[in-house]
């Protein structure tokens, strides 16, 4: 058992060796926040709130202990002028929209001007987050939208409400200083779903190190130069030798100022320097379902951010999986990961979503009512589903921790993979998506038009449809 502590953050870790891996049980504690038993998850927010759930609903009917907020969600506000600019489809108006974007970028964010006391977080107060909930700030959404432009030596490409733009390292430091989150995700020279070229591999570690040094210098305490907030250093999804200079600097110069790791690939745990392996590990990876969660934990991940919870809720699916698996039914079919409450078979189903479930939704409402709300497009449907789905996720992680503690994790994980279906959100009509995918592929391959292009050429390139 090991304990790591740096100012406001501490992490108590127990490692349990198994035949194939080293499993981790821990407790992540930040001063004045609820302690989080790990492995666990942090809820993914959208524009500063958990989708479909108000702050008072989250407080009274969920056990969410931490949320992740992306700076690109609040980096620039949209003026009415900007909204109208986005409605135009011709290339000339796209150029005009770019001018609007550049103008908006020069404006100060309203959240920066919010009055707070010396010990308050502007971001926490702005989104009305309860005081004991852990607040994590990162540069990009989870999962991020792949950027169309490359990172530079001083910035990364992000997507705001007005489109793609850049986030300068200095601007990110300023945001952290003013918003004051509990945990900061470091800026990394990593582009989602893009394979770096040979030349790029040579600069990724250097850029990430420079941005890490900028952040640590910006948040250090004047008294003892220690960070005022917990900083999670990014670990690039490349081989150790390709980022050796960056890792050596973290180990030799910055180790006493780093509180944890951020990983973009769970297999990157292998390149963590020896004595820094005790730090908490947070995965910013695209997790598509509970199978991915189990595989991440087997690799030594402590905290994940499963965006599929909200995706399931949006689709009208109530999660039903548990660990350990209850076993396959007598017909031998694999168990579903959730139930689609849009289905007509629930029109007169008066039972709860899951029998014996203790969540607010299952204790007070039945499947027929939720299906009625979905068909009526009533917001309450998604509220009730989101409450249930977060309860299922909390129970699932509770089962994971018990399984690790009891020494049955590998067996339980294997049985889960065998008993449950692999896909949570199958497409109802895959053929209907084909035209959209074809158009996306054509646009991705099309060259960008020049400023003097006319309507017919735009149509040929696939950027617009001629309407007259």
Protein backbone atom coordinates (compact mmCIF):
# COMPACT_ATOMS: atom_id res chain seq x y z
CA UNK A 1 0.00 0.00 0.00
CA UNK A 2 1.31 3.43 -0.99
CA UNK A 3 0.20 6.99 -0.31
CA UNK A 4 0.95 9.95 -2.56
CA UNK A 5 0.24 13.50 -1.38
CA UNK A 6 0.88 16.89 -2.97
CA UNK A 7 -0.75 19.89 -1.33
CA UNK A 8 -4.54 19.49 -1.70
CA UNK A 9 -4.51 16.05 -3.41
CA UNK A 10 -3.73 12.65 -1.93
CA UNK A 11 -3.98 9.17 -3.41
CA UNK A 12 -3.95 5.99 -1.31
CA UNK A 13 -3.10 3.05 -3.55
CA UNK A 14 -3.15 -0.70 -3.08
CA UNK A 15 -1.83 -2.87 -5.91
CA UNK A 16 -3.05 -6.44 -6.23
CA UNK A 17 -1.01 -8.74 -8.43
CA UNK A 18 -2.82 -11.26 -10.63
CA UNK A 19 -1.59 -13.73 -13.21
CA UNK A 20 -1.90 -11.31 -16.14
CA UNK A 21 -1.84 -7.79 -14.70
CA UNK A 22 -1.51 -5.56 -11.65
CA UNK A 23 -4.90 -4.34 -10.47
CA UNK A 24 -5.24 -1.14 -8.48
CA UNK A 25 -7.57 -0.10 -5.68
CA UNK A 26 -7.29 3.45 -4.42
CA UNK A 27 -8.87 6.48 -2.83
CA UNK A 28 -8.48 9.85 -4.55
CA UNK A 29 -8.95 12.74 -2.14
CA UNK A 30 -8.94 16.48 -2.78
CA UNK A 31 -9.33 18.91 0.09
CA UNK A 32 -13.00 19.88 0.73
CA UNK A 33 -14.25 17.43 -1.94
CA UNK A 34 -15.83 14.00 -1.68
CA UNK A 35 -13.22 11.24 -1.74
CA UNK A 36 -13.46 8.96 -4.77
CA UNK A 37 -12.80 5.25 -4.40
CA UNK A 38 -11.01 3.99 -7.49
CA UNK A 39 -11.45 2.51 -10.01
CA UNK A 40 -14.25 4.94 -10.71
CA UNK A 41 -15.54 7.38 -13.30
CA UNK A 42 -15.95 11.13 -13.61
CA UNK A 43 -19.09 12.38 -15.33
CA UNK A 44 -18.64 14.15 -18.65
CA UNK A 45 -20.33 17.55 -18.85
CA UNK A 46 -21.59 19.49 -21.83
CA UNK A 47 -21.25 23.27 -21.60
CA UNK A 48 -20.61 22.91 -17.88
CA UNK A 49 -23.50 20.66 -16.90
CA UNK A 50 -24.27 16.96 -16.96
CA UNK A 51 -26.71 16.51 -19.85
CA UNK A 52 -30.39 16.31 -18.85
CA UNK A 53 -29.70 16.70 -15.11
CA UNK A 54 -29.94 19.94 -13.16
CA UNK A 55 -27.51 20.55 -10.33
CA UNK A 56 -30.14 19.99 -7.63
CA UNK A 57 -31.24 16.74 -9.31
CA UNK A 58 -27.65 15.54 -9.43
CA UNK A 59 -27.21 16.43 -5.77
CA UNK A 60 -30.33 14.66 -4.51
CA UNK A 61 -30.72 11.68 -6.86
CA UNK A 62 -27.26 10.63 -8.05
CA UNK A 63 -23.92 9.75 -6.48
CA UNK A 64 -21.80 11.68 -8.99
CA UNK A 65 -18.61 12.79 -7.23
CA UNK A 66 -16.76 14.56 -10.01
CA UNK A 67 -17.37 16.20 -13.39
CA UNK A 68 -15.17 17.06 -16.33
CA UNK A 69 -15.52 20.45 -18.04
CA UNK A 70 -13.88 21.27 -21.38
CA UNK A 71 -12.52 24.77 -21.90
CA UNK A 72 -13.53 24.69 -25.58
CA UNK A 73 -17.16 24.54 -24.38
CA UNK A 74 -16.90 28.02 -22.89
CA UNK A 75 -13.93 29.56 -24.68
CA UNK A 76 -15.92 31.95 -26.87
CA UNK A 77 -19.51 33.11 -26.59
CA UNK A 78 -21.68 33.51 -29.69
CA UNK A 79 -23.14 36.88 -30.51
CA UNK A 80 -26.36 37.11 -32.53
CA UNK A 81 -24.21 38.36 -35.37
CA UNK A 82 -22.17 35.17 -35.14
CA UNK A 83 -25.27 32.96 -35.12
CA UNK A 84 -26.57 34.54 -38.30
CA UNK A 85 -23.18 34.20 -39.96
CA UNK A 86 -23.31 30.45 -39.49
CA UNK A 87 -26.54 30.17 -41.49
CA UNK A 88 -24.92 31.02 -44.81
CA UNK A 89 -23.55 28.22 -46.95
CA UNK A 90 -21.56 29.95 -49.67
CA UNK A 91 -17.81 30.21 -49.40
CA UNK A 92 -17.87 34.03 -49.31
CA UNK A 93 -20.02 33.90 -46.21
CA UNK A 94 -17.75 31.27 -44.68
CA UNK A 95 -14.96 33.80 -44.98
CA UNK A 96 -17.17 36.33 -43.23
CA UNK A 97 -17.86 33.81 -40.45
CA UNK A 98 -14.11 33.42 -39.97
CA UNK A 99 -13.87 37.16 -39.42
CA UNK A 100 -16.63 36.91 -36.81
CA UNK A 101 -14.72 34.10 -35.12
CA UNK A 102 -11.53 36.13 -34.97
CA UNK A 103 -13.45 39.09 -33.59
CA UNK A 104 -15.10 36.93 -30.92
CA UNK A 105 -11.73 35.53 -29.93
CA UNK A 106 -10.59 38.99 -28.90
CA UNK A 107 -13.52 39.47 -26.54
CA UNK A 108 -13.11 38.73 -22.85
CA UNK A 109 -15.13 35.80 -21.57
CA UNK A 110 -18.01 36.84 -19.27
CA UNK A 111 -17.03 34.09 -16.82
CA UNK A 112 -13.65 35.79 -16.30
CA UNK A 113 -15.42 38.90 -14.99
CA UNK A 114 -17.56 37.03 -12.48
CA UNK A 115 -17.01 38.41 -8.95
CA UNK A 116 -15.80 35.76 -6.48
CA UNK A 117 -14.04 35.70 -3.14
CA UNK A 118 -10.37 34.82 -2.89
CA UNK A 119 -11.00 31.14 -2.13
CA UNK A 120 -13.77 30.60 -4.72
CA UNK A 121 -13.62 29.05 -8.17
CA UNK A 122 -15.21 31.16 -10.90
CA UNK A 123 -16.00 28.07 -12.91
CA UNK A 124 -17.60 26.25 -9.97
CA UNK A 125 -19.74 29.26 -9.12
CA UNK A 126 -20.65 29.96 -12.76
CA UNK A 127 -22.02 26.43 -13.32
CA UNK A 128 -23.54 26.25 -9.80
CA UNK A 129 -21.59 23.10 -8.98
CA UNK A 130 -21.98 21.88 -5.42
CA UNK A 131 -19.00 22.54 -3.21
CA UNK A 132 -17.97 18.94 -2.52
CA UNK A 133 -17.99 17.73 -6.17
CA UNK A 134 -14.58 17.34 -7.80
CA UNK A 135 -14.06 19.74 -10.72
CA UNK A 136 -11.72 18.70 -13.53
CA UNK A 137 -10.83 21.12 -16.35
CA UNK A 138 -9.35 20.06 -19.68
CA UNK A 139 -8.86 21.78 -23.02
CA UNK A 140 -11.09 19.58 -25.21
CA UNK A 141 -14.41 17.75 -24.98
CA UNK A 142 -14.58 14.06 -24.25
CA UNK A 143 -14.46 12.57 -26.79
CA UNK A 144 -13.17 15.46 -28.91
CA UNK A 145 -14.20 16.22 -32.46
CA UNK A 146 -11.18 15.58 -34.74
CA UNK A 147 -9.68 18.93 -35.70
CA UNK A 148 -9.21 19.96 -39.34
CA UNK A 149 -6.01 21.92 -38.66
CA UNK A 150 -2.77 20.81 -37.04
CA UNK A 151 -1.39 21.95 -33.71
CA UNK A 152 1.40 24.54 -33.70
CA UNK A 153 4.39 25.10 -31.42
CA UNK A 154 2.27 27.34 -29.18
CA UNK A 155 -1.31 26.11 -29.61
CA UNK A 156 -3.68 23.22 -30.19
CA UNK A 157 -6.70 23.16 -32.49
CA UNK A 158 -10.08 23.16 -30.74
CA UNK A 159 -13.74 23.38 -31.74
CA UNK A 160 -15.80 26.20 -30.27
CA UNK A 161 -19.43 27.11 -30.90
CA UNK A 162 -18.28 29.13 -33.91
CA UNK A 163 -16.11 26.41 -35.44
CA UNK A 164 -12.49 25.33 -35.26
CA UNK A 165 -9.92 27.74 -33.90
CA UNK A 166 -6.79 27.52 -31.75
CA UNK A 167 -6.14 27.51 -28.02
CA UNK A 168 -2.81 29.11 -27.17
CA UNK A 169 -0.83 27.65 -24.29
CA UNK A 170 -0.76 31.09 -22.61
CA UNK A 171 -4.56 31.37 -22.91
CA UNK A 172 -4.99 27.97 -21.28
CA UNK A 173 -2.77 29.01 -18.38
CA UNK A 174 -4.81 32.21 -17.98
CA UNK A 175 -8.04 30.20 -18.00
CA UNK A 176 -6.79 27.88 -15.27
CA UNK A 177 -5.64 30.83 -13.15
CA UNK A 178 -9.05 32.49 -13.37
CA UNK A 179 -11.34 29.44 -13.29
CA UNK A 180 -9.47 27.55 -10.54
CA UNK A 181 -10.48 23.90 -11.04
CA UNK A 182 -9.45 21.16 -8.62
CA UNK A 183 -7.59 19.13 -11.26
CA UNK A 184 -5.98 20.46 -14.43
CA UNK A 185 -5.50 18.30 -17.50
CA UNK A 186 -2.25 19.30 -19.15
CA UNK A 187 -2.07 20.47 -22.76
CA UNK A 188 -0.74 17.74 -25.07
CA UNK A 189 0.43 17.77 -28.66
CA UNK A 190 -2.00 15.00 -29.54
CA UNK A 191 -4.64 15.07 -32.27
CA UNK A 192 -7.63 12.78 -31.85
CA UNK A 193 -7.91 9.98 -34.45
CA UNK A 194 -4.88 11.24 -36.39
CA UNK A 195 -1.73 9.18 -36.79
CA UNK A 196 1.35 11.43 -36.46
CA UNK A 197 3.98 11.40 -39.18
CA UNK A 198 7.67 10.77 -38.62
CA UNK A 199 8.56 14.48 -38.44
CA UNK A 200 5.68 15.18 -36.09
CA UNK A 201 6.77 12.44 -33.69
CA UNK A 202 10.00 14.34 -33.16
CA UNK A 203 8.20 17.45 -31.92
CA UNK A 204 5.29 16.02 -29.90
CA UNK A 205 7.29 15.47 -26.72
CA UNK A 206 9.10 18.82 -26.99
CA UNK A 207 5.88 20.77 -27.43
CA UNK A 208 4.12 18.93 -24.60
CA UNK A 209 7.06 19.56 -22.27
CA UNK A 210 7.07 23.29 -23.09
CA UNK A 211 3.32 23.55 -22.46
CA UNK A 212 3.65 21.57 -19.22
CA UNK A 213 6.38 23.92 -17.99
CA UNK A 214 4.21 26.93 -18.93
CA UNK A 215 1.29 25.57 -16.92
CA UNK A 216 3.31 24.61 -13.84
CA UNK A 217 4.98 28.04 -13.82
CA UNK A 218 1.57 29.71 -14.11
CA UNK A 219 -0.09 27.84 -11.22
CA UNK A 220 2.78 27.62 -8.75
CA UNK A 221 2.39 29.05 -5.29
CA UNK A 222 4.54 32.13 -4.62
CA UNK A 223 5.51 30.84 -1.17
CA UNK A 224 7.02 27.45 -2.00
CA UNK A 225 6.60 27.15 -5.80
CA UNK A 226 4.28 24.16 -5.41
CA UNK A 227 1.15 24.04 -7.63
CA UNK A 228 -2.05 25.60 -6.30
CA UNK A 229 -4.11 22.92 -8.08
CA UNK A 230 -3.50 19.27 -8.92
CA UNK A 231 -1.82 18.95 -12.31
CA UNK A 232 -2.23 15.73 -14.33
CA UNK A 233 0.59 15.48 -16.86
CA UNK A 234 -0.35 14.16 -20.31
CA UNK A 235 1.25 10.92 -21.44
CA UNK A 236 1.50 10.81 -25.22
CA UNK A 237 0.25 7.70 -27.06
CA UNK A 238 3.64 7.03 -28.66
CA UNK A 239 6.60 4.84 -27.77
CA UNK A 240 8.72 5.71 -24.74
CA UNK A 241 11.80 6.39 -26.86
CA UNK A 242 9.91 8.94 -28.93
CA UNK A 243 9.07 10.99 -25.83
CA UNK A 244 12.11 10.12 -23.71
CA UNK A 245 13.26 13.76 -23.33
CA UNK A 246 9.79 14.74 -22.07
CA UNK A 247 9.58 11.78 -19.66
CA UNK A 248 13.10 12.40 -18.34
CA UNK A 249 12.24 16.04 -17.63
CA UNK A 250 9.08 15.01 -15.76
CA UNK A 251 11.03 12.47 -13.72
CA UNK A 252 14.08 14.58 -12.93
CA UNK A 253 12.80 18.17 -12.79
CA UNK A 254 9.01 18.23 -12.40
CA UNK A 255 8.11 15.08 -10.46
CA UNK A 256 7.39 16.96 -7.23
CA UNK A 257 4.85 19.18 -9.03
CA UNK A 258 2.89 16.52 -10.93
CA UNK A 259 -0.13 15.00 -9.16
CA UNK A 260 -1.27 12.43 -11.74
CA UNK A 261 -1.26 11.18 -15.30
CA UNK A 262 -3.60 11.77 -18.25
CA UNK A 263 -3.57 8.99 -20.84
CA UNK A 264 -4.93 9.01 -24.39
CA UNK A 265 -4.23 5.29 -24.83
CA UNK A 266 -4.53 2.88 -21.88
CA UNK A 267 -1.52 0.86 -23.07
CA UNK A 268 0.65 3.94 -22.41
CA UNK A 269 0.84 2.93 -18.74
CA UNK A 270 3.90 0.88 -19.68
CA UNK A 271 6.01 4.01 -20.29
CA UNK A 272 5.30 5.67 -16.94
CA UNK A 273 8.60 6.22 -15.08
CA UNK A 274 9.11 3.77 -12.22
CA UNK A 275 8.54 5.70 -9.00
CA UNK A 276 5.83 7.87 -10.63
CA UNK A 277 3.66 4.79 -11.24
CA UNK A 278 1.96 5.37 -7.89
CA UNK A 279 0.26 8.53 -9.19
CA UNK A 280 -3.43 8.34 -10.16
CA UNK A 281 -4.13 7.63 -13.83
CA UNK A 282 -7.00 9.26 -15.69
CA UNK A 283 -7.90 8.03 -19.18
CA UNK A 284 -9.14 10.49 -21.81
CA UNK A 285 -10.03 7.72 -24.23
CA UNK A 286 -13.10 6.93 -26.30
CA UNK A 287 -14.94 4.34 -24.23
CA UNK A 288 -17.82 2.76 -26.14
CA UNK A 289 -19.24 0.54 -23.40
CA UNK A 290 -18.60 -1.40 -20.20
CA UNK A 291 -16.33 -3.91 -21.98
CA UNK A 292 -13.86 -1.09 -22.66
CA UNK A 293 -14.02 -0.02 -19.01
CA UNK A 294 -13.10 -3.51 -17.80
CA UNK A 295 -10.20 -3.68 -20.26
CA UNK A 296 -8.92 -0.24 -19.16
CA UNK A 297 -8.92 -1.28 -15.52
CA UNK A 298 -7.07 -4.49 -16.32
CA UNK A 299 -4.32 -2.29 -17.79
CA UNK A 300 -4.06 -0.22 -14.60
CA UNK A 301 -6.32 2.80 -15.23
CA UNK A 302 -7.85 4.41 -12.11
CA UNK A 303 -10.38 6.90 -13.49
CA UNK A 304 -12.29 6.91 -16.79
CA UNK A 305 -14.73 9.31 -18.46
CA UNK A 306 -17.43 7.21 -20.17
CA UNK A 307 -19.32 9.51 -22.52
CA UNK A 308 -21.48 6.58 -23.63
CA UNK A 309 -23.71 7.13 -20.57
CA UNK A 310 -25.11 10.27 -22.15
CA UNK A 311 -25.18 8.69 -25.60
CA UNK A 312 -27.35 5.85 -24.27
CA UNK A 313 -29.68 8.31 -22.55
CA UNK A 314 -30.00 10.39 -25.73
CA UNK A 315 -30.98 7.22 -27.62
CA UNK A 316 -33.66 6.28 -25.07
CA UNK A 317 -31.68 3.30 -23.77
CA UNK A 318 -31.68 2.35 -20.09
CA UNK A 319 -28.49 0.57 -19.00
CA UNK A 320 -28.95 -2.81 -17.32
CA UNK A 321 -25.50 -4.44 -17.02
CA UNK A 322 -23.97 -5.51 -13.69
CA UNK A 323 -20.73 -7.05 -12.46
CA UNK A 324 -20.49 -9.91 -11.76
CA UNK A 325 -22.68 -11.11 -14.60
CA UNK A 326 -25.88 -12.93 -13.54
CA UNK A 327 -25.25 -15.50 -16.28
CA UNK A 328 -26.95 -16.08 -19.60
CA UNK A 329 -30.66 -16.97 -19.69
CA UNK A 330 -31.80 -20.52 -20.45
CA UNK A 331 -32.09 -19.82 -24.18
CA UNK A 332 -28.33 -19.18 -24.28
CA UNK A 333 -28.60 -15.73 -25.83
CA UNK A 334 -26.18 -13.03 -24.73
CA UNK A 335 -27.51 -10.44 -22.31
CA UNK A 336 -28.27 -6.94 -23.62
CA UNK A 337 -26.33 -4.03 -22.11
CA UNK A 338 -29.54 -1.99 -21.96
CA UNK A 339 -33.19 -1.84 -22.94
CA UNK A 340 -34.55 0.38 -25.71
CA UNK A 341 -37.53 2.13 -24.13
CA UNK A 342 -38.75 3.36 -27.51
CA UNK A 343 -39.91 -0.19 -28.17
CA UNK A 344 -43.65 -0.79 -28.46
CA UNK A 345 -43.44 -3.79 -26.14
CA UNK A 346 -43.23 -1.37 -23.21
CA UNK A 347 -46.50 0.44 -24.01
CA UNK A 348 -48.27 -1.35 -21.13
CA UNK A 349 -45.28 -2.49 -19.05
CA UNK A 350 -45.91 -1.35 -15.48
CA UNK A 351 -42.64 -2.65 -14.04
CA UNK A 352 -39.50 -0.66 -13.23
CA UNK A 353 -36.67 -0.48 -15.74
CA UNK A 354 -34.70 -3.01 -13.67
CA UNK A 355 -36.24 -5.14 -10.96
CA UNK A 356 -34.82 -4.39 -7.48
CA UNK A 357 -33.01 -1.28 -8.79
CA UNK A 358 -32.87 1.38 -6.05
CA UNK A 359 -32.50 4.44 -8.27
CA UNK A 360 -35.06 7.25 -8.11
CA UNK A 361 -36.47 6.38 -11.55
CA UNK A 362 -37.08 2.70 -10.85
CA UNK A 363 -38.53 3.37 -7.38
CA UNK A 364 -41.08 5.91 -8.62
CA UNK A 365 -41.83 5.22 -12.31
CA UNK A 366 -42.49 2.36 -14.73
CA UNK A 367 -41.38 1.56 -18.27
CA UNK A 368 -44.71 2.47 -19.86
CA UNK A 369 -44.56 6.00 -18.43
CA UNK A 370 -40.99 6.58 -19.63
CA UNK A 371 -41.86 5.29 -23.09
CA UNK A 372 -44.86 7.64 -23.15
CA UNK A 373 -42.60 10.56 -22.25
CA UNK A 374 -40.12 9.61 -25.00
CA UNK A 375 -42.85 9.48 -27.62
CA UNK A 376 -44.22 12.81 -26.41
CA UNK A 377 -40.68 14.27 -26.64
CA UNK A 378 -41.03 15.32 -23.02
CA UNK A 379 -37.73 16.34 -21.39
CA UNK A 380 -38.55 14.42 -18.22
CA UNK A 381 -37.95 11.16 -20.12
CA UNK A 382 -34.27 11.90 -20.59
CA UNK A 383 -33.91 13.23 -17.05
CA UNK A 384 -35.26 9.97 -15.59
CA UNK A 385 -33.12 7.88 -17.93
CA UNK A 386 -29.97 9.81 -17.07
CA UNK A 387 -30.58 9.39 -13.33
CA UNK A 388 -31.03 5.64 -13.82
CA UNK A 389 -28.00 5.26 -16.09
CA UNK A 390 -25.68 7.02 -13.67
CA UNK A 391 -26.97 4.80 -10.86
CA UNK A 392 -26.18 1.71 -12.96
CA UNK A 393 -22.69 3.05 -13.62
CA UNK A 394 -22.07 3.69 -9.92
CA UNK A 395 -23.22 0.15 -9.10
CA UNK A 396 -21.05 -1.27 -11.89
CA UNK A 397 -17.91 0.38 -10.49
CA UNK A 398 -18.85 -0.78 -7.01
CA UNK A 399 -18.93 -4.33 -8.41
CA UNK A 400 -15.54 -3.77 -10.05
CA UNK A 401 -13.92 -2.70 -6.76
CA UNK A 402 -15.42 -5.65 -4.88
CA UNK A 403 -14.26 -8.02 -7.60
CA UNK A 404 -10.68 -6.71 -7.35
CA UNK A 405 -10.75 -6.90 -3.57
CA UNK A 406 -12.10 -10.47 -3.63
CA UNK A 407 -9.48 -11.57 -6.17
CA UNK A 408 -12.06 -12.59 -8.80
CA UNK A 409 -11.66 -9.73 -11.27
CA UNK A 410 -10.09 -11.66 -14.13
CA UNK A 411 -12.75 -14.36 -13.90
CA UNK A 412 -15.58 -11.84 -13.62
CA UNK A 413 -14.22 -9.82 -16.53
CA UNK A 414 -13.98 -12.87 -18.77
CA UNK A 415 -17.49 -13.99 -17.86
CA UNK A 416 -18.86 -10.49 -18.53
CA UNK A 417 -17.30 -10.46 -22.00
CA UNK A 418 -18.87 -13.85 -22.73
CA UNK A 419 -22.33 -13.16 -21.30
CA UNK A 420 -23.06 -9.62 -22.53
CA UNK A 421 -23.52 -8.29 -26.03
CA UNK A 422 -20.57 -6.30 -27.30
CA UNK A 423 -22.41 -3.32 -28.79
CA UNK A 424 -24.44 -0.87 -26.75
CA UNK A 425 -25.75 1.47 -29.46
CA UNK A 426 -26.36 -0.49 -32.68
CA UNK A 427 -27.65 1.50 -35.63
CA UNK A 428 -31.34 0.87 -36.18
CA UNK A 429 -30.98 1.36 -39.93
CA UNK A 430 -27.35 1.08 -40.99
CA UNK A 431 -28.24 1.46 -44.69
CA UNK A 432 -29.73 4.89 -44.02
CA UNK A 433 -26.37 6.15 -42.75
CA UNK A 434 -24.51 5.16 -45.91
CA UNK A 435 -25.27 8.36 -47.91
CA UNK A 436 -24.06 10.47 -44.97
CA UNK A 437 -20.86 8.47 -44.68
CA UNK A 438 -20.25 8.71 -48.42
CA UNK A 439 -20.67 12.49 -48.30
CA UNK A 440 -18.32 12.75 -45.33
CA UNK A 441 -15.66 10.77 -47.14
CA UNK A 442 -15.98 12.94 -50.26
CA UNK A 443 -15.67 16.16 -48.25
CA UNK A 444 -12.65 14.84 -46.35
CA UNK A 445 -10.87 14.11 -49.63
CA UNK A 446 -11.92 17.31 -51.42
CA UNK A 447 -9.38 20.15 -51.76
CA UNK A 448 -10.25 23.45 -50.08
CA UNK A 449 -11.65 26.00 -52.59
CA UNK A 450 -9.90 29.27 -53.31
CA UNK A 451 -11.40 32.66 -52.42
CA UNK A 452 -12.49 33.35 -56.03
CA UNK A 453 -14.44 30.15 -56.58
CA UNK A 454 -18.00 30.39 -57.98
CA UNK A 455 -21.14 28.44 -57.09
CA UNK A 456 -20.77 25.78 -59.79
CA UNK A 457 -17.23 24.93 -58.68
CA UNK A 458 -18.37 24.73 -55.04
CA UNK A 459 -21.05 22.26 -56.09
CA UNK A 460 -18.52 20.15 -57.98
CA UNK A 461 -16.25 20.04 -54.92
CA UNK A 462 -19.14 18.98 -52.71
CA UNK A 463 -19.16 22.08 -50.48
CA UNK A 464 -22.59 23.41 -51.53
CA UNK A 465 -25.72 22.68 -53.54
CA UNK A 466 -26.77 25.08 -56.28
CA UNK A 467 -30.35 26.16 -55.57
CA UNK A 468 -31.05 28.53 -58.47
